[in-house]
Amino acid sequence: MILRFWRAGLDPARMEEYRRFEAERCLPMLRKQPGLLGVLFLREAGGGAVSITIWEDMGTVEALESSPSYRQTTRELAESGLLAGEQSVEVFQVESGDLRSEALVGMLDRTIHARRSRDR
C-alpha cells in the first residue's frame, strides 16, 4: 500500500471555491483511477491544503501521472488561480500499522455531515 501526499498553498479568500473544486472535479476524477483505495482532503492552519491518496501499489501511483483525466484536472487547478505558493508531492510505502476501518469511516461521515451543516 502506498500513501501519496500532495501539499499546496491556497488563496485564503477563495477557500470555498477550492472546496467546490475538490468535491466537483478532484474527487470524481480520483474515484475513476485504477488502484485508488481512498482519499482524504485536509486543511492546514496557515491556509494550505493537503490531499492524502491511498493506492494499491507504486504502479498505480505512477499510472496516475499519465492519466489524461488527472492531467486535465491538475491543469484546470493550476489555471484557476486557487493555489498560492509552492506545491509538493511525497510518496510513502506503508510498512506496518493498524487501521480501525469502521471507526475511521464513522468519524469521516460525522466530519462531512458537520461541515455540510455548518455551510448551510
PDB file of N, CA and C in Angstrom:
ATOM      1  N   MET A   1       0.854  -1.169   0.000  1.00  0.00           N
ATOM      2  CA  MET A   1       0.000   0.000   0.000  1.00  0.00           C
ATOM      3  C   MET A   1       0.902   1.235   0.000  1.00  0.00           C
ATOM      4  N   ILE A   2       0.477   2.246  -0.748  1.00  0.00           N
ATOM      5  CA  ILE A   2       1.243   3.473  -0.923  1.00  0.00           C
ATOM      6  C   ILE A   2       0.382   4.663  -0.498  1.00  0.00           C
ATOM      7  N   LEU A   3       0.993   5.607   0.225  1.00  0.00           N
ATOM      8  CA  LEU A   3       0.341   6.873   0.554  1.00  0.00           C
ATOM      9  C   LEU A   3       1.031   7.975  -0.226  1.00  0.00           C
ATOM     10  N   ARG A   4       0.238   8.801  -0.882  1.00  0.00           N
ATOM     11  CA  ARG A   4       0.756   9.924  -1.658  1.00  0.00           C
ATOM     12  C   ARG A   4       0.200  11.207  -1.045  1.00  0.00           C
ATOM     13  N   PHE A   5       1.107  12.097  -0.633  1.00  0.00           N
ATOM     14  CA  PHE A   5       0.731  13.367  -0.024  1.00  0.00           C
ATOM     15  C   PHE A   5       1.004  14.488  -1.021  1.00  0.00           C
ATOM     16  N   TRP A   6      -0.021  15.263  -1.339  1.00  0.00           N
ATOM     17  CA  TRP A   6       0.133  16.445  -2.183  1.00  0.00           C
ATOM     18  C   TRP A   6      -0.165  17.645  -1.302  1.00  0.00           C
ATOM     19  N   ARG A   7       0.745  18.620  -1.296  1.00  0.00           N
ATOM     20  CA  ARG A   7       0.583  19.841  -0.492  1.00  0.00           C
ATOM     21  C   ARG A   7       0.605  21.057  -1.401  1.00  0.00           C
ATOM     22  N   ALA A   8      -0.212  22.040  -1.023  1.00  0.00           N
ATOM     23  CA  ALA A   8      -0.216  23.307  -1.767  1.00  0.00           C
ATOM     24  C   ALA A   8      -0.742  24.417  -0.878  1.00  0.00           C
ATOM     25  N   GLY A   9      -0.265  25.608  -1.141  1.00  0.00           N
ATOM     26  CA  GLY A   9      -0.841  26.779  -0.508  1.00  0.00           C
ATOM     27  C   GLY A   9      -2.089  27.184  -1.266  1.00  0.00           C
ATOM     28  N   LEU A  10      -3.034  27.772  -0.558  1.00  0.00           N
ATOM     29  CA  LEU A  10      -4.287  28.204  -1.171  1.00  0.00           C
ATOM     30  C   LEU A  10      -4.473  29.699  -0.978  1.00  0.00           C
ATOM     31  N   ASP A  11      -5.211  30.290  -1.886  1.00  0.00           N
ATOM     32  CA  ASP A  11      -5.625  31.680  -1.729  1.00  0.00           C
ATOM     33  C   ASP A  11      -6.721  31.674  -0.666  1.00  0.00           C
ATOM     34  N   PRO A  12      -6.466  32.222   0.531  1.00  0.00           N
ATOM     35  CA  PRO A  12      -7.449  32.158   1.624  1.00  0.00           C
ATOM     36  C   PRO A  12      -8.804  32.772   1.279  1.00  0.00           C
ATOM     37  N   ALA A  13      -8.817  33.752   0.412  1.00  0.00           N
ATOM     38  CA  ALA A  13     -10.075  34.405   0.032  1.00  0.00           C
ATOM     39  C   ALA A  13     -10.933  33.512  -0.852  1.00  0.00           C
ATOM     40  N   ARG A  14     -10.345  32.430  -1.377  1.00  0.00           N
ATOM     41  CA  ARG A  14     -11.068  31.564  -2.316  1.00  0.00           C
ATOM     42  C   ARG A  14     -11.223  30.143  -1.795  1.00  0.00           C
ATOM     43  N   MET A  15     -11.191  29.987  -0.476  1.00  0.00           N
ATOM     44  CA  MET A  15     -11.245  28.656   0.130  1.00  0.00           C
ATOM     45  C   MET A  15     -12.509  27.882  -0.256  1.00  0.00           C
ATOM     46  N   GLU A  16     -13.647  28.546  -0.262  1.00  0.00           N
ATOM     47  CA  GLU A  16     -14.889  27.854  -0.609  1.00  0.00           C
ATOM     48  C   GLU A  16     -14.867  27.388  -2.063  1.00  0.00           C
ATOM     49  N   GLU A  17     -14.301  28.200  -2.932  1.00  0.00           N
ATOM     50  CA  GLU A  17     -14.148  27.805  -4.333  1.00  0.00           C
ATOM     51  C   GLU A  17     -13.282  26.556  -4.451  1.00  0.00           C
ATOM     52  N   TYR A  18     -12.202  26.526  -3.656  1.00  0.00           N
ATOM     53  CA  TYR A  18     -11.317  25.368  -3.676  1.00  0.00           C
ATOM     54  C   TYR A  18     -12.057  24.124  -3.180  1.00  0.00           C
ATOM     55  N   ARG A  19     -12.854  24.258  -2.131  1.00  0.00           N
ATOM     56  CA  ARG A  19     -13.633  23.114  -1.628  1.00  0.00           C
ATOM     57  C   ARG A  19     -14.539  22.559  -2.726  1.00  0.00           C
ATOM     58  N   ARG A  20     -15.177  23.457  -3.467  1.00  0.00           N
ATOM     59  CA  ARG A  20     -16.038  23.001  -4.562  1.00  0.00           C
ATOM     60  C   ARG A  20     -15.223  22.287  -5.635  1.00  0.00           C
ATOM     61  N   PHE A  21     -14.031  22.807  -5.942  1.00  0.00           N
ATOM     62  CA  PHE A  21     -13.181  22.162  -6.941  1.00  0.00           C
ATOM     63  C   PHE A  21     -12.825  20.737  -6.482  1.00  0.00           C
ATOM     64  N   GLU A  22     -12.493  20.592  -5.211  1.00  0.00           N
ATOM     65  CA  GLU A  22     -12.198  19.253  -4.678  1.00  0.00           C
ATOM     66  C   GLU A  22     -13.386  18.309  -4.870  1.00  0.00           C
ATOM     67  N   ALA A  23     -14.565  18.789  -4.460  1.00  0.00           N
ATOM     68  CA  ALA A  23     -15.762  17.944  -4.490  1.00  0.00           C
ATOM     69  C   ALA A  23     -16.248  17.652  -5.899  1.00  0.00           C
ATOM     70  N   GLU A  24     -16.196  18.651  -6.766  1.00  0.00           N
ATOM     71  CA  GLU A  24     -16.794  18.510  -8.088  1.00  0.00           C
ATOM     72  C   GLU A  24     -15.829  18.031  -9.164  1.00  0.00           C
ATOM     73  N   ARG A  25     -14.527  18.280  -8.989  1.00  0.00           N
ATOM     74  CA  ARG A  25     -13.555  17.901 -10.017  1.00  0.00           C
ATOM     75  C   ARG A  25     -12.578  16.834  -9.533  1.00  0.00           C
ATOM     76  N   CYS A  26     -11.935  17.091  -8.394  1.00  0.00           N
ATOM     77  CA  CYS A  26     -10.887  16.171  -7.926  1.00  0.00           C
ATOM     78  C   CYS A  26     -11.443  14.817  -7.511  1.00  0.00           C
ATOM     79  N   LEU A  27     -12.440  14.825  -6.655  1.00  0.00           N
ATOM     80  CA  LEU A  27     -12.956  13.558  -6.135  1.00  0.00           C
ATOM     81  C   LEU A  27     -13.493  12.649  -7.239  1.00  0.00           C
ATOM     82  N   PRO A  28     -14.344  13.143  -8.138  1.00  0.00           N
ATOM     83  CA  PRO A  28     -14.816  12.260  -9.215  1.00  0.00           C
ATOM     84  C   PRO A  28     -13.671  11.718 -10.081  1.00  0.00           C
ATOM     85  N   MET A  29     -12.681  12.578 -10.370  1.00  0.00           N
ATOM     86  CA  MET A  29     -11.543  12.137 -11.179  1.00  0.00           C
ATOM     87  C   MET A  29     -10.770  11.042 -10.452  1.00  0.00           C
ATOM     88  N   LEU A  30     -10.496  11.252  -9.167  1.00  0.00           N
ATOM     89  CA  LEU A  30      -9.726  10.262  -8.407  1.00  0.00           C
ATOM     90  C   LEU A  30     -10.465   8.932  -8.303  1.00  0.00           C
ATOM     91  N   ARG A  31     -11.755   8.976  -8.118  1.00  0.00           N
ATOM     92  CA  ARG A  31     -12.538   7.733  -7.990  1.00  0.00           C
ATOM     93  C   ARG A  31     -12.439   6.855  -9.237  1.00  0.00           C
ATOM     94  N   LYS A  32     -12.129   7.451 -10.380  1.00  0.00           N
ATOM     95  CA  LYS A  32     -12.013   6.693 -11.632  1.00  0.00           C
ATOM     96  C   LYS A  32     -10.622   6.099 -11.830  1.00  0.00           C
ATOM     97  N   GLN A  33      -9.666   6.433 -10.971  1.00  0.00           N
ATOM     98  CA  GLN A  33      -8.297   5.969 -11.164  1.00  0.00           C
ATOM     99  C   GLN A  33      -8.142   4.528 -10.666  1.00  0.00           C
ATOM    100  N   PRO A  34      -7.607   3.655 -11.509  1.00  0.00           N
ATOM    101  CA  PRO A  34      -7.366   2.275 -11.083  1.00  0.00           C
ATOM    102  C   PRO A  34      -6.394   2.245  -9.900  1.00  0.00           C
ATOM    103  N   GLY A  35      -6.707   1.432  -8.917  1.00  0.00           N
ATOM    104  CA  GLY A  35      -5.819   1.244  -7.778  1.00  0.00           C
ATOM    105  C   GLY A  35      -6.015   2.210  -6.633  1.00  0.00           C
ATOM    106  N   LEU A  36      -6.913   3.195  -6.777  1.00  0.00           N
ATOM    107  CA  LEU A  36      -7.165   4.120  -5.677  1.00  0.00           C
ATOM    108  C   LEU A  36      -7.961   3.404  -4.588  1.00  0.00           C
ATOM    109  N   LEU A  37      -7.474   3.484  -3.362  1.00  0.00           N
ATOM    110  CA  LEU A  37      -8.162   2.880  -2.224  1.00  0.00           C
ATOM    111  C   LEU A  37      -8.897   3.914  -1.383  1.00  0.00           C
ATOM    112  N   GLY A  38      -8.472   5.167  -1.458  1.00  0.00           N
ATOM    113  CA  GLY A  38      -9.130   6.205  -0.684  1.00  0.00           C
ATOM    114  C   GLY A  38      -8.432   7.532  -0.828  1.00  0.00           C
ATOM    115  N   VAL A  39      -9.132   8.585  -0.387  1.00  0.00           N
ATOM    116  CA  VAL A  39      -8.577   9.939  -0.427  1.00  0.00           C
ATOM    117  C   VAL A  39      -9.115  10.718   0.759  1.00  0.00           C
ATOM    118  N   LEU A  40      -8.260  11.558   1.318  1.00  0.00           N
ATOM    119  CA  LEU A  40      -8.639  12.493   2.378  1.00  0.00           C
ATOM    120  C   LEU A  40      -8.169  13.878   1.961  1.00  0.00           C
ATOM    121  N   PHE A  41      -9.035  14.872   2.138  1.00  0.00           N
ATOM    122  CA  PHE A  41      -8.686  16.258   1.873  1.00  0.00           C
ATOM    123  C   PHE A  41      -8.529  16.960   3.214  1.00  0.00           C
ATOM    124  N   LEU A  42      -7.360  17.575   3.437  1.00  0.00           N
ATOM    125  CA  LEU A  42      -7.046  18.205   4.716  1.00  0.00           C
ATOM    126  C   LEU A  42      -6.759  19.677   4.520  1.00  0.00           C
ATOM    127  N   ARG A  43      -6.865  20.441   5.621  1.00  0.00           N
ATOM    128  CA  ARG A  43      -6.506  21.848   5.630  1.00  0.00           C
ATOM    129  C   ARG A  43      -5.468  22.088   6.713  1.00  0.00           C
ATOM    130  N   GLU A  44      -4.506  22.938   6.404  1.00  0.00           N
ATOM    131  CA  GLU A  44      -3.507  23.372   7.377  1.00  0.00           C
ATOM    132  C   GLU A  44      -3.941  24.715   7.939  1.00  0.00           C
ATOM    133  N   ALA A  45      -3.584  24.984   9.172  1.00  0.00           N
ATOM    134  CA  ALA A  45      -3.986  26.227   9.829  1.00  0.00           C
ATOM    135  C   ALA A  45      -3.542  27.462   9.048  1.00  0.00           C
ATOM    136  N   GLY A  46      -2.410  27.396   8.387  1.00  0.00           N
ATOM    137  CA  GLY A  46      -1.886  28.542   7.649  1.00  0.00           C
ATOM    138  C   GLY A  46      -2.486  28.744   6.279  1.00  0.00           C
ATOM    139  N   GLY A  47      -3.550  28.027   5.939  1.00  0.00           N
ATOM    140  CA  GLY A  47      -4.205  28.217   4.651  1.00  0.00           C
ATOM    141  C   GLY A  47      -3.748  27.258   3.579  1.00  0.00           C
ATOM    142  N   GLY A  48      -3.098  26.198   3.969  1.00  0.00           N
ATOM    143  CA  GLY A  48      -2.658  25.218   2.988  1.00  0.00           C
ATOM    144  C   GLY A  48      -3.617  24.051   2.878  1.00  0.00           C
ATOM    145  N   ALA A  49      -3.464  23.304   1.812  1.00  0.00           N
ATOM    146  CA  ALA A  49      -4.258  22.101   1.585  1.00  0.00           C
ATOM    147  C   ALA A  49      -3.322  20.917   1.434  1.00  0.00           C
ATOM    148  N   VAL A  50      -3.795  19.781   1.889  1.00  0.00           N
ATOM    149  CA  VAL A  50      -3.086  18.520   1.715  1.00  0.00           C
ATOM    150  C   VAL A  50      -4.109  17.508   1.264  1.00  0.00           C
ATOM    151  N   SER A  51      -3.762  16.732   0.261  1.00  0.00           N
ATOM    152  CA  SER A  51      -4.598  15.578  -0.061  1.00  0.00           C
ATOM    153  C   SER A  51      -3.736  14.341   0.135  1.00  0.00           C
ATOM    154  N   ILE A  52      -4.319  13.372   0.797  1.00  0.00           N
ATOM    155  CA  ILE A  52      -3.662  12.083   1.009  1.00  0.00           C
ATOM    156  C   ILE A  52      -4.439  11.071   0.189  1.00  0.00           C
ATOM    157  N   THR A  53      -3.771  10.477  -0.772  1.00  0.00           N
ATOM    158  CA  THR A  53      -4.402   9.406  -1.540  1.00  0.00           C
ATOM    159  C   THR A  53      -3.731   8.098  -1.168  1.00  0.00           C
ATOM    160  N   ILE A  54      -4.534   7.058  -1.134  1.00  0.00           N
ATOM    161  CA  ILE A  54      -4.071   5.733  -0.731  1.00  0.00           C
ATOM    162  C   ILE A  54      -4.215   4.815  -1.947  1.00  0.00           C
ATOM    163  N   TRP A  55      -3.123   4.131  -2.284  1.00  0.00           N
ATOM    164  CA  TRP A  55      -3.038   3.368  -3.524  1.00  0.00           C
ATOM    165  C   TRP A  55      -2.642   1.921  -3.251  1.00  0.00           C
ATOM    166  N   GLU A  56      -3.025   1.045  -4.165  1.00  0.00           N
ATOM    167  CA  GLU A  56      -2.686  -0.374  -4.047  1.00  0.00           C
ATOM    168  C   GLU A  56      -1.183  -0.612  -4.071  1.00  0.00           C
ATOM    169  N   ASP A  57      -0.495   0.028  -5.033  1.00  0.00           N
ATOM    170  CA  ASP A  57       0.938  -0.210  -5.190  1.00  0.00           C
ATOM    171  C   ASP A  57       1.572   0.948  -5.953  1.00  0.00           C
ATOM    172  N   MET A  58       2.878   0.918  -6.083  1.00  0.00           N
ATOM    173  CA  MET A  58       3.593   2.018  -6.740  1.00  0.00           C
ATOM    174  C   MET A  58       3.208   2.135  -8.215  1.00  0.00           C
ATOM    175  N   GLY A  59       2.899   1.051  -8.856  1.00  0.00           N
ATOM    176  CA  GLY A  59       2.492   1.105 -10.264  1.00  0.00           C
ATOM    177  C   GLY A  59       1.238   1.936 -10.472  1.00  0.00           C
ATOM    178  N   THR A  60       0.294   1.863  -9.547  1.00  0.00           N
ATOM    179  CA  THR A  60      -0.932   2.650  -9.695  1.00  0.00           C
ATOM    180  C   THR A  60      -0.664   4.130  -9.445  1.00  0.00           C
ATOM    181  N   VAL A  61       0.284   4.436  -8.555  1.00  0.00           N
ATOM    182  CA  VAL A  61       0.671   5.837  -8.330  1.00  0.00           C
ATOM    183  C   VAL A  61       1.352   6.388  -9.575  1.00  0.00           C
ATOM    184  N   GLU A  62       2.230   5.611 -10.155  1.00  0.00           N
ATOM    185  CA  GLU A  62       2.923   6.048 -11.364  1.00  0.00           C
ATOM    186  C   GLU A  62       1.952   6.225 -12.525  1.00  0.00           C
ATOM    187  N   ALA A  63       0.937   5.369 -12.612  1.00  0.00           N
ATOM    188  CA  ALA A  63      -0.063   5.479 -13.684  1.00  0.00           C
ATOM    189  C   ALA A  63      -0.882   6.755 -13.546  1.00  0.00           C
ATOM    190  N   LEU A  64      -1.067   7.231 -12.323  1.00  0.00           N
ATOM    191  CA  LEU A  64      -1.820   8.462 -12.108  1.00  0.00           C
ATOM    192  C   LEU A  64      -1.214   9.616 -12.897  1.00  0.00           C
ATOM    193  N   GLU A  65       0.106   9.728 -12.862  1.00  0.00           N
ATOM    194  CA  GLU A  65       0.790  10.852 -13.524  1.00  0.00           C
ATOM    195  C   GLU A  65       0.512  10.919 -15.021  1.00  0.00           C
ATOM    196  N   SER A  66       0.241   9.783 -15.644  1.00  0.00           N
ATOM    197  CA  SER A  66      -0.008   9.779 -17.090  1.00  0.00           C
ATOM    198  C   SER A  66      -1.498   9.708 -17.429  1.00  0.00           C
ATOM    199  N   SER A  67      -2.365   9.692 -16.418  1.00  0.00           N
ATOM    200  CA  SER A  67      -3.801   9.634 -16.655  1.00  0.00           C
ATOM    201  C   SER A  67      -4.287  10.933 -17.300  1.00  0.00           C
ATOM    202  N   PRO A  68      -4.972  10.853 -18.446  1.00  0.00           N
ATOM    203  CA  PRO A  68      -5.479  12.071 -19.089  1.00  0.00           C
ATOM    204  C   PRO A  68      -6.419  12.871 -18.181  1.00  0.00           C
ATOM    205  N   SER A  69      -7.277  12.202 -17.419  1.00  0.00           N
ATOM    206  CA  SER A  69      -8.205  12.942 -16.557  1.00  0.00           C
ATOM    207  C   SER A  69      -7.468  13.617 -15.403  1.00  0.00           C
ATOM    208  N   TYR A  70      -6.421  12.981 -14.879  1.00  0.00           N
ATOM    209  CA  TYR A  70      -5.612  13.598 -13.832  1.00  0.00           C
ATOM    210  C   TYR A  70      -4.888  14.823 -14.384  1.00  0.00           C
ATOM    211  N   ARG A  71      -4.298  14.674 -15.544  1.00  0.00           N
ATOM    212  CA  ARG A  71      -3.562  15.783 -16.143  1.00  0.00           C
ATOM    213  C   ARG A  71      -4.486  16.967 -16.450  1.00  0.00           C
ATOM    214  N   GLN A  72      -5.691  16.673 -16.926  1.00  0.00           N
ATOM    215  CA  GLN A  72      -6.667  17.734 -17.214  1.00  0.00           C
ATOM    216  C   GLN A  72      -7.079  18.444 -15.921  1.00  0.00           C
ATOM    217  N   THR A  73      -7.341  17.688 -14.873  1.00  0.00           N
ATOM    218  CA  THR A  73      -7.768  18.275 -13.606  1.00  0.00           C
ATOM    219  C   THR A  73      -6.662  19.129 -12.994  1.00  0.00           C
ATOM    220  N   THR A  74      -5.426  18.640 -13.022  1.00  0.00           N
ATOM    221  CA  THR A  74      -4.326  19.431 -12.457  1.00  0.00           C
ATOM    222  C   THR A  74      -4.071  20.687 -13.291  1.00  0.00           C
ATOM    223  N   ARG A  75      -4.266  20.604 -14.592  1.00  0.00           N
ATOM    224  CA  ARG A  75      -4.118  21.782 -15.447  1.00  0.00           C
ATOM    225  C   ARG A  75      -5.198  22.821 -15.101  1.00  0.00           C
ATOM    226  N   GLU A  76      -6.438  22.366 -14.929  1.00  0.00           N
ATOM    227  CA  GLU A  76      -7.526  23.278 -14.559  1.00  0.00           C
ATOM    228  C   GLU A  76      -7.244  23.942 -13.212  1.00  0.00           C
ATOM    229  N   LEU A  77      -6.742  23.163 -12.270  1.00  0.00           N
ATOM    230  CA  LEU A  77      -6.432  23.716 -10.954  1.00  0.00           C
ATOM    231  C   LEU A  77      -5.321  24.755 -11.057  1.00  0.00           C
ATOM    232  N   ALA A  78      -4.288  24.443 -11.805  1.00  0.00           N
ATOM    233  CA  ALA A  78      -3.174  25.384 -11.969  1.00  0.00           C
ATOM    234  C   ALA A  78      -3.634  26.688 -12.614  1.00  0.00           C
ATOM    235  N   GLU A  79      -4.545  26.611 -13.554  1.00  0.00           N
ATOM    236  CA  GLU A  79      -5.026  27.788 -14.268  1.00  0.00           C
ATOM    237  C   GLU A  79      -6.109  28.553 -13.502  1.00  0.00           C
ATOM    238  N   SER A  80      -6.641  27.954 -12.438  1.00  0.00           N
ATOM    239  CA  SER A  80      -7.771  28.547 -11.716  1.00  0.00           C
ATOM    240  C   SER A  80      -7.390  29.723 -10.831  1.00  0.00           C
ATOM    241  N   GLY A  81      -6.125  29.820 -10.451  1.00  0.00           N
ATOM    242  CA  GLY A  81      -5.709  30.851  -9.520  1.00  0.00           C
ATOM    243  C   GLY A  81      -6.035  30.545  -8.071  1.00  0.00           C
ATOM    244  N   LEU A  82      -6.510  29.346  -7.792  1.00  0.00           N
ATOM    245  CA  LEU A  82      -6.860  28.960  -6.419  1.00  0.00           C
ATOM    246  C   LEU A  82      -5.629  28.656  -5.571  1.00  0.00           C
ATOM    247  N   LEU A  83      -4.535  28.280  -6.213  1.00  0.00           N
ATOM    248  CA  LEU A  83      -3.325  27.912  -5.488  1.00  0.00           C
ATOM    249  C   LEU A  83      -2.445  29.121  -5.256  1.00  0.00           C
ATOM    250  N   ALA A  84      -1.720  29.082  -4.143  1.00  0.00           N
ATOM    251  CA  ALA A  84      -0.776  30.147  -3.814  1.00  0.00           C
ATOM    252  C   ALA A  84       0.493  29.495  -3.288  1.00  0.00           C
ATOM    253  N   GLY A  85       1.621  29.855  -3.817  1.00  0.00           N
ATOM    254  CA  GLY A  85       2.876  29.291  -3.329  1.00  0.00           C
ATOM    255  C   GLY A  85       3.230  27.971  -3.990  1.00  0.00           C
ATOM    256  N   GLU A  86       4.093  27.264  -3.316  1.00  0.00           N
ATOM    257  CA  GLU A  86       4.656  26.028  -3.845  1.00  0.00           C
ATOM    258  C   GLU A  86       3.725  24.829  -3.656  1.00  0.00           C
ATOM    259  N   GLN A  87       3.922  23.832  -4.507  1.00  0.00           N
ATOM    260  CA  GLN A  87       3.264  22.537  -4.372  1.00  0.00           C
ATOM    261  C   GLN A  87       4.342  21.488  -4.162  1.00  0.00           C
ATOM    262  N   SER A  88       3.986  20.417  -3.484  1.00  0.00           N
ATOM    263  CA  SER A  88       4.927  19.313  -3.326  1.00  0.00           C
ATOM    264  C   SER A  88       4.174  17.993  -3.264  1.00  0.00           C
ATOM    265  N   VAL A  89       4.877  16.936  -3.618  1.00  0.00           N
ATOM    266  CA  VAL A  89       4.332  15.580  -3.559  1.00  0.00           C
ATOM    267  C   VAL A  89       5.336  14.702  -2.837  1.00  0.00           C
ATOM    268  N   GLU A  90       4.854  13.897  -1.905  1.00  0.00           N
ATOM    269  CA  GLU A  90       5.672  12.894  -1.231  1.00  0.00           C
ATOM    270  C   GLU A  90       4.945  11.561  -1.327  1.00  0.00           C
ATOM    271  N   VAL A  91       5.702  10.504  -1.515  1.00  0.00           N
ATOM    272  CA  VAL A  91       5.128   9.169  -1.656  1.00  0.00           C
ATOM    273  C   VAL A  91       5.795   8.255  -0.639  1.00  0.00           C
ATOM    274  N   PHE A  92       4.966   7.484   0.072  1.00  0.00           N
ATOM    275  CA  PHE A  92       5.459   6.596   1.123  1.00  0.00           C
ATOM    276  C   PHE A  92       4.911   5.184   0.944  1.00  0.00           C
ATOM    277  N   GLN A  93       5.764   4.213   1.164  1.00  0.00           N
ATOM    278  CA  GLN A  93       5.371   2.808   1.211  1.00  0.00           C
ATOM    279  C   GLN A  93       4.936   2.500   2.641  1.00  0.00           C
ATOM    280  N   VAL A  94       3.758   1.930   2.811  1.00  0.00           N
ATOM    281  CA  VAL A  94       3.301   1.545   4.145  1.00  0.00           C
ATOM    282  C   VAL A  94       4.035   0.268   4.549  1.00  0.00           C
ATOM    283  N   GLU A  95       4.667   0.309   5.693  1.00  0.00           N
ATOM    284  CA  GLU A  95       5.421  -0.843   6.204  1.00  0.00           C
ATOM    285  C   GLU A  95       4.611  -1.654   7.201  1.00  0.00           C
ATOM    286  N   SER A  96       3.898  -0.971   8.062  1.00  0.00           N
ATOM    287  CA  SER A  96       3.065  -1.659   9.049  1.00  0.00           C
ATOM    288  C   SER A  96       2.123  -0.650   9.661  1.00  0.00           C
ATOM    289  N   GLY A  97       1.241  -1.097  10.513  1.00  0.00           N
ATOM    290  CA  GLY A  97       0.315  -0.193  11.174  1.00  0.00           C
ATOM    291  C   GLY A  97      -0.953  -0.900  11.579  1.00  0.00           C
ATOM    292  N   ASP A  98      -1.925  -0.112  11.966  1.00  0.00           N
ATOM    293  CA  ASP A  98      -3.211  -0.634  12.404  1.00  0.00           C
ATOM    294  C   ASP A  98      -4.275   0.403  12.076  1.00  0.00           C
ATOM    295  N   LEU A  99      -5.250   0.042  11.276  1.00  0.00           N
ATOM    296  CA  LEU A  99      -6.368   0.928  10.956  1.00  0.00           C
ATOM    297  C   LEU A  99      -7.652   0.297  11.475  1.00  0.00           C
ATOM    298  N   ARG A 100      -8.447   1.083  12.144  1.00  0.00           N
ATOM    299  CA  ARG A 100      -9.768   0.631  12.574  1.00  0.00           C
ATOM    300  C   ARG A 100     -10.760   1.185  11.557  1.00  0.00           C
ATOM    301  N   SER A 101     -10.982   0.449  10.505  1.00  0.00           N
ATOM    302  CA  SER A 101     -11.724   0.970   9.359  1.00  0.00           C
ATOM    303  C   SER A 101     -13.133   1.425   9.713  1.00  0.00           C
ATOM    304  N   GLU A 102     -13.855   0.676  10.531  1.00  0.00           N
ATOM    305  CA  GLU A 102     -15.222   1.079  10.880  1.00  0.00           C
ATOM    306  C   GLU A 102     -15.213   2.407  11.627  1.00  0.00           C
ATOM    307  N   ALA A 103     -14.292   2.574  12.570  1.00  0.00           N
ATOM    308  CA  ALA A 103     -14.204   3.812  13.337  1.00  0.00           C
ATOM    309  C   ALA A 103     -13.807   4.976  12.427  1.00  0.00           C
ATOM    310  N   LEU A 104     -12.872   4.747  11.516  1.00  0.00           N
ATOM    311  CA  LEU A 104     -12.445   5.799  10.602  1.00  0.00           C
ATOM    312  C   LEU A 104     -13.575   6.239   9.681  1.00  0.00           C
ATOM    313  N   VAL A 105     -14.303   5.289   9.132  1.00  0.00           N
ATOM    314  CA  VAL A 105     -15.409   5.624   8.231  1.00  0.00           C
ATOM    315  C   VAL A 105     -16.490   6.384   8.992  1.00  0.00           C
ATOM    316  N   GLY A 106     -16.806   5.958  10.197  1.00  0.00           N
ATOM    317  CA  GLY A 106     -17.805   6.650  11.006  1.00  0.00           C
ATOM    318  C   GLY A 106     -17.390   8.072  11.318  1.00  0.00           C
ATOM    319  N   MET A 107     -16.138   8.269  11.691  1.00  0.00           N
ATOM    320  CA  MET A 107     -15.647   9.610  12.008  1.00  0.00           C
ATOM    321  C   MET A 107     -15.644  10.486  10.764  1.00  0.00           C
ATOM    322  N   LEU A 108     -15.259   9.945   9.626  1.00  0.00           N
ATOM    323  CA  LEU A 108     -15.267  10.713   8.382  1.00  0.00           C
ATOM    324  C   LEU A 108     -16.692  11.134   8.025  1.00  0.00           C
ATOM    325  N   ASP A 109     -17.646  10.225   8.158  1.00  0.00           N
ATOM    326  CA  ASP A 109     -19.050  10.557   7.884  1.00  0.00           C
ATOM    327  C   ASP A 109     -19.525  11.684   8.793  1.00  0.00           C
ATOM    328  N   ARG A 110     -19.188  11.625  10.083  1.00  0.00           N
ATOM    329  CA  ARG A 110     -19.600  12.674  11.021  1.00  0.00           C
ATOM    330  C   ARG A 110     -18.941  14.010  10.675  1.00  0.00           C
ATOM    331  N   THR A 111     -17.675  13.968  10.271  1.00  0.00           N
ATOM    332  CA  THR A 111     -16.965  15.187   9.897  1.00  0.00           C
ATOM    333  C   THR A 111     -17.612  15.837   8.678  1.00  0.00           C
ATOM    334  N   ILE A 112     -17.918  15.046   7.680  1.00  0.00           N
ATOM    335  CA  ILE A 112     -18.548  15.566   6.459  1.00  0.00           C
ATOM    336  C   ILE A 112     -19.923  16.138   6.775  1.00  0.00           C
ATOM    337  N   HIS A 113     -20.698  15.425   7.578  1.00  0.00           N
ATOM    338  CA  HIS A 113     -22.041  15.882   7.939  1.00  0.00           C
ATOM    339  C   HIS A 113     -21.968  17.206   8.709  1.00  0.00           C
ATOM    340  N   ALA A 114     -21.033  17.317   9.645  1.00  0.00           N
ATOM    341  CA  ALA A 114     -20.889  18.541  10.435  1.00  0.00           C
ATOM    342  C   ALA A 114     -20.502  19.714   9.547  1.00  0.00           C
ATOM    343  N   ARG A 115     -19.598  19.504   8.595  1.00  0.00           N
ATOM    344  CA  ARG A 115     -19.194  20.585   7.697  1.00  0.00           C
ATOM    345  C   ARG A 115     -20.357  21.022   6.823  1.00  0.00           C
ATOM    346  N   ARG A 116     -21.118  20.061   6.315  1.00  0.00           N
ATOM    347  CA  ARG A 116     -22.272  20.416   5.476  1.00  0.00           C
ATOM    348  C   ARG A 116     -23.310  21.190   6.269  1.00  0.00           C
ATOM    349  N   SER A 117     -23.528  20.817   7.509  1.00  0.00           N
ATOM    350  CA  SER A 117     -24.484  21.539   8.364  1.00  0.00           C
ATOM    351  C   SER A 117     -24.006  22.963   8.620  1.00  0.00           C
ATOM    352  N   ARG A 118     -22.712  23.149   8.848  1.00  0.00           N
ATOM    353  CA  ARG A 118     -22.133  24.463   9.070  1.00  0.00           C
ATOM    354  C   ARG A 118     -22.270  25.350   7.842  1.00  0.00           C
ATOM    355  N   ASP A 119     -22.111  24.743   6.669  1.00  0.00           N
ATOM    356  CA  ASP A 119     -22.109  25.506   5.407  1.00  0.00           C
ATOM    357  C   ASP A 119     -23.506  25.947   4.963  1.00  0.00           C
ATOM    358  N   ARG A 120     -24.533  25.398   5.565  1.00  0.00           N
ATOM    359  CA  ARG A 120     -25.916  25.742   5.140  1.00  0.00           C
ATOM    360  C   ARG A 120     -26.340  27.073   5.630  1.00  0.00           C
TER     361      ARG A 120
END
